[in-house]
Amino acid sequence: MVRKRFQSPQPVTGMQHAQNFLKKIGLGPHNYHFWKQIGKALLCTYTIFGAAWLYNETSPLGWWTLKPKPKEEWELAHLYERREFPYPGDEEAMEEFIKKGGMIGTTIGPKGMVEGDKDSLNFQKELEDKKLDQEAQKLWLRMRNEVIAELQEKGFDME
């Protein structure tokens, strides 16, 4: 007769083995609440990012700015707007598209020739140069005013 404390263990089924493994790696039944909270947090985060992305695509403002776009940017906005391109087989839509200006950054003349004088890169470079010049001017004035203030503190008369 076999003693009770030395009885052979119950055979472990595949399901019990899988549950033991999942429990060891943190996916057991006691971890369900934790993973549910993680899922909710990810869902909320991605929802917020998606809404921000959608707002960025359709916003009259800039990305996360609450000040309106400068005049130069409004003038160049047509170069960066999204355009609906017509299906190539649709003749009427293609003609209308060409009349409106065709591809971004090009002007199509009355004979259908592309005039390359309007280039979006040149506009962008001009805008960047203007901004750089403005920033340099601001920095120069600020430095000049600081030097004048220091000299006035020391007793020199500066105007």
N, C-alpha and C. Protein backbone atom coordinates (compact mmCIF):
# COMPACT_ATOMS: atom_id res chain seq x y z
N MET A 1 0.83 -1.16 0.00
CA MET A 1 0.00 0.00 0.00
C MET A 1 0.89 1.25 0.00
N VAL A 2 0.46 2.25 -0.83
CA VAL A 2 1.24 3.46 -0.97
C VAL A 2 0.73 4.48 0.03
N ARG A 3 1.69 5.11 0.70
CA ARG A 3 1.30 6.13 1.65
C ARG A 3 0.72 7.33 0.91
N LYS A 4 -0.14 8.08 1.63
CA LYS A 4 -0.81 9.21 0.99
C LYS A 4 0.16 10.33 0.62
N ARG A 5 1.15 10.56 1.43
CA ARG A 5 2.02 11.66 1.13
C ARG A 5 2.97 11.37 -0.03
N PHE A 6 3.08 10.15 -0.42
CA PHE A 6 3.92 9.80 -1.56
C PHE A 6 3.12 9.41 -2.79
N GLN A 7 1.89 9.92 -2.85
CA GLN A 7 1.07 9.60 -4.01
C GLN A 7 1.67 10.26 -5.25
N SER A 8 1.47 9.62 -6.39
CA SER A 8 1.97 10.19 -7.64
C SER A 8 1.16 11.45 -7.97
N PRO A 9 1.83 12.46 -8.45
CA PRO A 9 1.11 13.70 -8.75
C PRO A 9 0.15 13.51 -9.92
N GLN A 10 -0.84 14.40 -9.93
CA GLN A 10 -1.80 14.38 -11.03
C GLN A 10 -1.06 14.74 -12.32
N PRO A 11 -1.41 14.14 -13.42
CA PRO A 11 -0.74 14.51 -14.67
C PRO A 11 -1.13 15.95 -15.06
N VAL A 12 -0.13 16.72 -15.48
CA VAL A 12 -0.34 18.12 -15.86
C VAL A 12 -0.80 18.15 -17.31
N THR A 13 -1.95 18.78 -17.51
CA THR A 13 -2.47 18.88 -18.88
C THR A 13 -1.80 20.05 -19.60
N GLY A 14 -2.02 20.10 -20.88
CA GLY A 14 -1.44 21.18 -21.68
C GLY A 14 -1.96 22.54 -21.26
N MET A 15 -3.22 22.61 -20.90
CA MET A 15 -3.82 23.87 -20.51
C MET A 15 -3.21 24.36 -19.19
N GLN A 16 -3.01 23.45 -18.23
CA GLN A 16 -2.40 23.84 -16.96
C GLN A 16 -0.95 24.29 -17.17
N HIS A 17 -0.26 23.60 -18.05
CA HIS A 17 1.12 23.97 -18.35
C HIS A 17 1.18 25.38 -18.96
N ALA A 18 0.25 25.68 -19.87
CA ALA A 18 0.20 27.01 -20.49
C ALA A 18 -0.13 28.07 -19.45
N GLN A 19 -1.07 27.76 -18.54
CA GLN A 19 -1.42 28.73 -17.51
C GLN A 19 -0.25 29.00 -16.57
N ASN A 20 0.49 27.96 -16.23
CA ASN A 20 1.67 28.16 -15.37
C ASN A 20 2.70 29.02 -16.08
N PHE A 21 2.91 28.78 -17.35
CA PHE A 21 3.88 29.58 -18.10
C PHE A 21 3.43 31.04 -18.18
N LEU A 22 2.14 31.27 -18.51
CA LEU A 22 1.64 32.65 -18.59
C LEU A 22 1.73 33.35 -17.24
N LYS A 23 1.51 32.60 -16.16
CA LYS A 23 1.60 33.18 -14.82
C LYS A 23 3.04 33.62 -14.53
N LYS A 24 4.01 32.82 -14.98
CA LYS A 24 5.41 33.16 -14.74
C LYS A 24 5.84 34.42 -15.51
N ILE A 25 5.28 34.65 -16.67
CA ILE A 25 5.69 35.82 -17.45
C ILE A 25 4.78 37.03 -17.23
N GLY A 26 3.87 36.94 -16.28
CA GLY A 26 3.06 38.10 -15.92
C GLY A 26 1.74 38.21 -16.65
N LEU A 27 1.25 37.12 -17.19
CA LEU A 27 -0.02 37.16 -17.90
C LEU A 27 -1.07 36.24 -17.27
N GLY A 28 -0.91 35.97 -15.98
CA GLY A 28 -1.85 35.09 -15.29
C GLY A 28 -3.15 35.80 -14.97
N PRO A 29 -4.09 35.09 -14.35
CA PRO A 29 -5.39 35.68 -14.05
C PRO A 29 -5.31 36.85 -13.05
N HIS A 30 -4.27 36.87 -12.22
CA HIS A 30 -4.15 37.98 -11.27
C HIS A 30 -3.60 39.23 -11.95
N ASN A 31 -3.10 39.13 -13.17
CA ASN A 31 -2.54 40.29 -13.88
C ASN A 31 -3.52 40.90 -14.88
N TYR A 32 -4.73 40.36 -14.99
CA TYR A 32 -5.67 40.85 -15.98
C TYR A 32 -6.01 42.32 -15.75
N HIS A 33 -6.21 42.72 -14.50
CA HIS A 33 -6.58 44.10 -14.20
C HIS A 33 -5.46 45.05 -14.66
N PHE A 34 -4.21 44.66 -14.38
CA PHE A 34 -3.06 45.48 -14.79
C PHE A 34 -3.04 45.67 -16.30
N TRP A 35 -3.19 44.61 -17.05
CA TRP A 35 -3.12 44.71 -18.51
C TRP A 35 -4.32 45.45 -19.08
N LYS A 36 -5.45 45.34 -18.39
CA LYS A 36 -6.63 46.10 -18.81
C LYS A 36 -6.36 47.60 -18.65
N GLN A 37 -5.74 47.99 -17.55
CA GLN A 37 -5.40 49.40 -17.33
C GLN A 37 -4.38 49.88 -18.36
N ILE A 38 -3.39 49.05 -18.66
CA ILE A 38 -2.39 49.40 -19.68
C ILE A 38 -3.09 49.61 -21.02
N GLY A 39 -4.01 48.73 -21.37
CA GLY A 39 -4.74 48.85 -22.63
C GLY A 39 -5.54 50.14 -22.69
N LYS A 40 -6.19 50.48 -21.60
CA LYS A 40 -6.96 51.73 -21.56
C LYS A 40 -6.04 52.93 -21.73
N ALA A 41 -4.90 52.90 -21.06
CA ALA A 41 -3.97 54.02 -21.16
C ALA A 41 -3.45 54.18 -22.59
N LEU A 42 -3.13 53.07 -23.23
CA LEU A 42 -2.66 53.13 -24.62
C LEU A 42 -3.75 53.65 -25.54
N LEU A 43 -4.97 53.18 -25.32
CA LEU A 43 -6.08 53.64 -26.15
C LEU A 43 -6.29 55.14 -26.01
N CYS A 44 -6.25 55.64 -24.78
CA CYS A 44 -6.42 57.08 -24.56
C CYS A 44 -5.27 57.87 -25.19
N THR A 45 -4.05 57.37 -25.02
CA THR A 45 -2.88 58.07 -25.56
C THR A 45 -2.97 58.15 -27.08
N TYR A 46 -3.26 57.03 -27.73
CA TYR A 46 -3.34 57.03 -29.18
C TYR A 46 -4.52 57.87 -29.68
N THR A 47 -5.58 57.92 -28.91
CA THR A 47 -6.72 58.77 -29.29
C THR A 47 -6.32 60.24 -29.25
N ILE A 48 -5.60 60.63 -28.20
CA ILE A 48 -5.15 62.03 -28.10
C ILE A 48 -4.18 62.36 -29.23
N PHE A 49 -3.22 61.47 -29.49
CA PHE A 49 -2.28 61.72 -30.59
C PHE A 49 -2.99 61.76 -31.93
N GLY A 50 -3.98 60.91 -32.12
CA GLY A 50 -4.73 60.92 -33.37
C GLY A 50 -5.51 62.21 -33.54
N ALA A 51 -6.11 62.69 -32.46
CA ALA A 51 -6.85 63.95 -32.54
C ALA A 51 -5.89 65.11 -32.83
N ALA A 52 -4.72 65.08 -32.20
CA ALA A 52 -3.73 66.14 -32.46
C ALA A 52 -3.25 66.10 -33.90
N TRP A 53 -3.05 64.89 -34.41
CA TRP A 53 -2.61 64.75 -35.80
C TRP A 53 -3.69 65.26 -36.76
N LEU A 54 -4.94 64.90 -36.49
CA LEU A 54 -6.05 65.36 -37.32
C LEU A 54 -6.17 66.88 -37.24
N TYR A 55 -6.02 67.44 -36.05
CA TYR A 55 -6.08 68.90 -35.88
C TYR A 55 -4.95 69.56 -36.65
N ASN A 56 -3.78 68.94 -36.65
CA ASN A 56 -2.64 69.48 -37.38
C ASN A 56 -2.91 69.49 -38.88
N GLU A 57 -3.59 68.47 -39.38
CA GLU A 57 -3.86 68.38 -40.82
C GLU A 57 -4.90 69.40 -41.27
N THR A 58 -5.84 69.74 -40.37
CA THR A 58 -6.96 70.59 -40.79
C THR A 58 -6.97 71.93 -40.07
N SER A 59 -5.93 72.23 -39.32
CA SER A 59 -5.93 73.41 -38.47
C SER A 59 -5.70 74.70 -39.25
N PRO A 60 -6.44 75.76 -38.91
CA PRO A 60 -6.12 77.08 -39.47
C PRO A 60 -4.90 77.69 -38.77
N LEU A 61 -4.54 77.12 -37.63
CA LEU A 61 -3.37 77.59 -36.89
C LEU A 61 -2.18 76.71 -37.26
N GLY A 62 -1.05 77.00 -36.71
CA GLY A 62 0.12 76.16 -36.94
C GLY A 62 0.09 74.97 -36.00
N TRP A 63 1.18 74.20 -35.98
CA TRP A 63 1.27 73.04 -35.10
C TRP A 63 1.48 73.53 -33.68
N TRP A 64 0.53 73.30 -32.82
CA TRP A 64 0.55 73.64 -31.41
C TRP A 64 0.79 75.13 -31.16
N THR A 65 0.47 75.97 -32.12
CA THR A 65 0.63 77.40 -31.87
C THR A 65 -0.75 78.02 -31.77
N LEU A 66 -0.84 79.00 -30.94
CA LEU A 66 -2.11 79.69 -30.78
C LEU A 66 -2.02 81.10 -31.35
N LYS A 67 -1.07 81.32 -32.24
CA LYS A 67 -0.99 82.60 -32.92
C LYS A 67 -1.19 82.38 -34.41
N PRO A 68 -1.79 83.31 -35.09
CA PRO A 68 -2.08 83.12 -36.51
C PRO A 68 -0.80 83.06 -37.34
N LYS A 69 -0.94 82.50 -38.53
CA LYS A 69 0.20 82.39 -39.44
C LYS A 69 0.58 83.78 -39.95
N PRO A 70 1.88 84.01 -40.19
CA PRO A 70 2.28 85.30 -40.75
C PRO A 70 1.79 85.49 -42.17
N LYS A 71 1.81 86.72 -42.62
CA LYS A 71 1.29 87.07 -43.94
C LYS A 71 2.00 86.29 -45.04
N GLU A 72 3.34 86.15 -44.93
CA GLU A 72 4.09 85.43 -45.96
C GLU A 72 3.63 83.98 -46.06
N GLU A 73 3.34 83.39 -44.90
CA GLU A 73 2.92 82.00 -44.90
C GLU A 73 1.54 81.84 -45.53
N TRP A 74 0.66 82.83 -45.27
CA TRP A 74 -0.68 82.77 -45.90
C TRP A 74 -0.55 82.91 -47.41
N GLU A 75 0.36 83.76 -47.87
CA GLU A 75 0.53 83.95 -49.31
C GLU A 75 1.05 82.70 -49.98
N LEU A 76 1.86 81.92 -49.24
CA LEU A 76 2.45 80.70 -49.82
C LEU A 76 1.65 79.44 -49.48
N ALA A 77 0.52 79.61 -48.81
CA ALA A 77 -0.24 78.44 -48.36
C ALA A 77 -0.71 77.58 -49.53
N HIS A 78 -1.00 78.21 -50.67
CA HIS A 78 -1.51 77.44 -51.80
C HIS A 78 -0.46 76.45 -52.32
N LEU A 79 0.80 76.67 -52.02
CA LEU A 79 1.83 75.74 -52.47
C LEU A 79 1.85 74.46 -51.65
N TYR A 80 1.33 74.52 -50.42
CA TYR A 80 1.42 73.38 -49.52
C TYR A 80 0.08 72.71 -49.24
N GLU A 81 -0.99 73.23 -49.80
CA GLU A 81 -2.29 72.65 -49.51
C GLU A 81 -2.42 71.31 -50.22
N ARG A 82 -3.26 70.48 -49.67
CA ARG A 82 -3.50 69.17 -50.28
C ARG A 82 -4.45 69.34 -51.45
N ARG A 83 -4.11 68.71 -52.53
CA ARG A 83 -4.96 68.80 -53.71
C ARG A 83 -5.51 67.44 -54.06
N GLU A 84 -6.72 67.43 -54.53
CA GLU A 84 -7.33 66.20 -55.00
C GLU A 84 -6.96 66.05 -56.47
N PHE A 85 -6.19 65.04 -56.79
CA PHE A 85 -5.79 64.82 -58.17
C PHE A 85 -6.88 64.01 -58.87
N PRO A 86 -7.24 64.42 -60.07
CA PRO A 86 -8.30 63.69 -60.78
C PRO A 86 -7.80 62.35 -61.31
N TYR A 87 -8.75 61.47 -61.56
CA TYR A 87 -8.42 60.18 -62.17
C TYR A 87 -7.94 60.44 -63.59
N PRO A 88 -6.82 59.84 -64.02
CA PRO A 88 -6.25 60.17 -65.34
C PRO A 88 -7.18 59.93 -66.52
N GLY A 89 -8.13 59.03 -66.41
CA GLY A 89 -9.02 58.76 -67.54
C GLY A 89 -10.14 59.77 -67.69
N ASP A 90 -10.36 60.60 -66.68
CA ASP A 90 -11.45 61.56 -66.69
C ASP A 90 -10.97 62.85 -67.38
N GLU A 91 -11.36 63.03 -68.62
CA GLU A 91 -10.86 64.17 -69.42
C GLU A 91 -11.32 65.52 -68.86
N GLU A 92 -12.60 65.63 -68.50
CA GLU A 92 -13.12 66.91 -68.00
C GLU A 92 -12.43 67.31 -66.69
N ALA A 93 -12.27 66.34 -65.80
CA ALA A 93 -11.63 66.64 -64.52
C ALA A 93 -10.16 67.02 -64.73
N MET A 94 -9.48 66.38 -65.68
CA MET A 94 -8.08 66.71 -65.96
C MET A 94 -7.98 68.14 -66.51
N GLU A 95 -8.88 68.51 -67.41
CA GLU A 95 -8.85 69.87 -67.96
C GLU A 95 -9.10 70.90 -66.86
N GLU A 96 -10.06 70.62 -66.00
CA GLU A 96 -10.36 71.53 -64.89
C GLU A 96 -9.15 71.65 -63.95
N PHE A 97 -8.50 70.52 -63.70
CA PHE A 97 -7.32 70.50 -62.83
C PHE A 97 -6.19 71.35 -63.42
N ILE A 98 -6.00 71.24 -64.73
CA ILE A 98 -4.94 72.00 -65.40
C ILE A 98 -5.28 73.50 -65.38
N LYS A 99 -6.56 73.84 -65.53
CA LYS A 99 -6.96 75.24 -65.47
C LYS A 99 -6.71 75.84 -64.10
N LYS A 100 -6.90 75.04 -63.06
CA LYS A 100 -6.69 75.53 -61.70
C LYS A 100 -5.22 75.71 -61.37
N GLY A 101 -4.34 75.13 -62.15
CA GLY A 101 -2.91 75.31 -61.88
C GLY A 101 -2.13 74.02 -61.89
N GLY A 102 -2.79 72.90 -61.94
CA GLY A 102 -2.07 71.64 -62.06
C GLY A 102 -1.31 71.26 -60.82
N MET A 103 -0.09 70.84 -61.03
CA MET A 103 0.73 70.36 -59.93
C MET A 103 1.13 71.51 -59.02
N ILE A 104 1.47 71.17 -57.80
CA ILE A 104 1.87 72.18 -56.82
C ILE A 104 3.18 72.82 -57.27
N GLY A 105 3.23 74.15 -57.24
CA GLY A 105 4.45 74.86 -57.55
C GLY A 105 4.68 75.11 -59.03
N THR A 106 3.72 74.79 -59.87
CA THR A 106 3.90 75.04 -61.30
C THR A 106 2.76 75.92 -61.79
N THR A 107 3.01 76.61 -62.86
CA THR A 107 1.97 77.39 -63.51
C THR A 107 1.87 76.87 -64.94
N ILE A 108 0.70 76.51 -65.35
CA ILE A 108 0.52 75.99 -66.69
C ILE A 108 -0.05 77.09 -67.56
N GLY A 109 0.68 77.43 -68.59
CA GLY A 109 0.28 78.52 -69.47
C GLY A 109 -0.88 78.14 -70.36
N PRO A 110 -1.33 79.09 -71.19
CA PRO A 110 -2.50 78.85 -72.05
C PRO A 110 -2.26 77.77 -73.09
N LYS A 111 -1.01 77.53 -73.47
CA LYS A 111 -0.73 76.50 -74.48
C LYS A 111 -0.42 75.15 -73.84
N GLY A 112 -0.53 75.07 -72.52
CA GLY A 112 -0.28 73.80 -71.86
C GLY A 112 1.17 73.59 -71.49
N MET A 113 2.01 74.59 -71.72
CA MET A 113 3.43 74.46 -71.38
C MET A 113 3.61 74.79 -69.90
N VAL A 114 4.50 74.07 -69.27
CA VAL A 114 4.77 74.32 -67.86
C VAL A 114 5.81 75.42 -67.76
N GLU A 115 5.45 76.47 -67.05
CA GLU A 115 6.38 77.57 -66.83
C GLU A 115 7.02 77.35 -65.46
N GLY A 116 8.32 77.19 -65.46
CA GLY A 116 9.02 76.83 -64.24
C GLY A 116 9.49 78.00 -63.42
N ASP A 117 8.98 79.20 -63.66
CA ASP A 117 9.47 80.36 -62.92
C ASP A 117 8.96 80.37 -61.48
N LYS A 118 7.88 79.69 -61.20
CA LYS A 118 7.36 79.65 -59.85
C LYS A 118 7.74 78.31 -59.24
N ASP A 119 8.71 78.34 -58.36
CA ASP A 119 9.22 77.13 -57.74
C ASP A 119 8.98 77.21 -56.24
N SER A 120 8.41 76.15 -55.68
CA SER A 120 8.09 76.18 -54.25
C SER A 120 9.35 76.22 -53.41
N LEU A 121 10.45 75.65 -53.88
CA LEU A 121 11.67 75.68 -53.09
C LEU A 121 12.22 77.11 -52.98
N ASN A 122 12.12 77.88 -54.07
CA ASN A 122 12.59 79.26 -54.02
C ASN A 122 11.77 80.08 -53.03
N PHE A 123 10.44 79.89 -53.04
CA PHE A 123 9.59 80.60 -52.09
C PHE A 123 9.96 80.21 -50.66
N GLN A 124 10.19 78.92 -50.46
CA GLN A 124 10.52 78.45 -49.12
C GLN A 124 11.87 79.02 -48.67
N LYS A 125 12.85 79.07 -49.58
CA LYS A 125 14.15 79.63 -49.23
C LYS A 125 14.04 81.11 -48.91
N GLU A 126 13.24 81.83 -49.69
CA GLU A 126 13.05 83.26 -49.42
C GLU A 126 12.42 83.46 -48.05
N LEU A 127 11.42 82.66 -47.74
CA LEU A 127 10.76 82.78 -46.44
C LEU A 127 11.74 82.46 -45.31
N GLU A 128 12.56 81.41 -45.48
CA GLU A 128 13.54 81.07 -44.46
C GLU A 128 14.58 82.17 -44.31
N ASP A 129 15.02 82.77 -45.44
CA ASP A 129 16.00 83.86 -45.37
C ASP A 129 15.43 85.07 -44.64
N LYS A 130 14.15 85.39 -44.91
CA LYS A 130 13.52 86.51 -44.22
C LYS A 130 13.48 86.26 -42.71
N LYS A 131 13.10 85.04 -42.34
CA LYS A 131 13.01 84.71 -40.91
C LYS A 131 14.39 84.77 -40.27
N LEU A 132 15.41 84.28 -40.97
CA LEU A 132 16.77 84.31 -40.44
C LEU A 132 17.24 85.75 -40.26
N ASP A 133 16.96 86.60 -41.24
CA ASP A 133 17.34 88.00 -41.12
C ASP A 133 16.63 88.69 -39.96
N GLN A 134 15.35 88.36 -39.77
CA GLN A 134 14.60 88.94 -38.66
C GLN A 134 15.19 88.51 -37.32
N GLU A 135 15.53 87.22 -37.20
CA GLU A 135 16.11 86.72 -35.96
C GLU A 135 17.47 87.36 -35.70
N ALA A 136 18.28 87.51 -36.76
CA ALA A 136 19.59 88.14 -36.60
C ALA A 136 19.43 89.59 -36.16
N GLN A 137 18.46 90.29 -36.74
CA GLN A 137 18.20 91.69 -36.37
C GLN A 137 17.78 91.79 -34.91
N LYS A 138 16.90 90.88 -34.47
CA LYS A 138 16.45 90.89 -33.07
C LYS A 138 17.63 90.65 -32.13
N LEU A 139 18.47 89.66 -32.48
CA LEU A 139 19.61 89.34 -31.64
C LEU A 139 20.58 90.51 -31.57
N TRP A 140 20.83 91.15 -32.71
CA TRP A 140 21.73 92.29 -32.74
C TRP A 140 21.21 93.43 -31.87
N LEU A 141 19.91 93.75 -31.98
CA LEU A 141 19.34 94.83 -31.18
C LEU A 141 19.39 94.50 -29.69
N ARG A 142 19.13 93.26 -29.35
CA ARG A 142 19.16 92.88 -27.95
C ARG A 142 20.58 93.00 -27.37
N MET A 143 21.57 92.52 -28.14
CA MET A 143 22.95 92.63 -27.69
C MET A 143 23.37 94.10 -27.56
N ARG A 144 22.98 94.92 -28.53
CA ARG A 144 23.32 96.35 -28.52
C ARG A 144 22.72 97.03 -27.30
N ASN A 145 21.45 96.72 -27.03
CA ASN A 145 20.78 97.32 -25.88
C ASN A 145 21.43 96.88 -24.57
N GLU A 146 21.89 95.62 -24.49
CA GLU A 146 22.56 95.15 -23.28
C GLU A 146 23.88 95.90 -23.07
N VAL A 147 24.65 96.08 -24.15
CA VAL A 147 25.92 96.80 -24.04
C VAL A 147 25.67 98.25 -23.63
N ILE A 148 24.69 98.91 -24.22
CA ILE A 148 24.36 100.29 -23.86
C ILE A 148 23.95 100.37 -22.40
N ALA A 149 23.15 99.42 -21.94
CA ALA A 149 22.71 99.42 -20.54
C ALA A 149 23.90 99.25 -19.60
N GLU A 150 24.84 98.37 -19.94
CA GLU A 150 26.02 98.18 -19.09
C GLU A 150 26.87 99.44 -19.05
N LEU A 151 27.05 100.07 -20.21
CA LEU A 151 27.85 101.30 -20.23
C LEU A 151 27.19 102.43 -19.44
N GLN A 152 25.86 102.50 -19.51
CA GLN A 152 25.14 103.53 -18.75
C GLN A 152 25.26 103.28 -17.25
N GLU A 153 25.28 101.97 -16.86
CA GLU A 153 25.45 101.64 -15.44
C GLU A 153 26.82 102.10 -14.94
N LYS A 154 27.83 101.99 -15.80
CA LYS A 154 29.19 102.39 -15.43
C LYS A 154 29.38 103.92 -15.46
N GLY A 155 28.42 104.65 -15.98
CA GLY A 155 28.48 106.10 -15.93
C GLY A 155 28.72 106.77 -17.26
N PHE A 156 28.85 106.02 -18.34
CA PHE A 156 29.03 106.62 -19.65
C PHE A 156 27.69 107.11 -20.16
N ASP A 157 27.72 108.23 -20.88
CA ASP A 157 26.48 108.78 -21.42
C ASP A 157 26.32 108.27 -22.86
N MET A 158 25.35 107.39 -23.07
CA MET A 158 25.12 106.77 -24.39
C MET A 158 23.71 107.13 -24.85
N GLU A 159 23.62 107.48 -26.13
CA GLU A 159 22.30 107.76 -26.68
C GLU A 159 22.13 107.07 -27.98
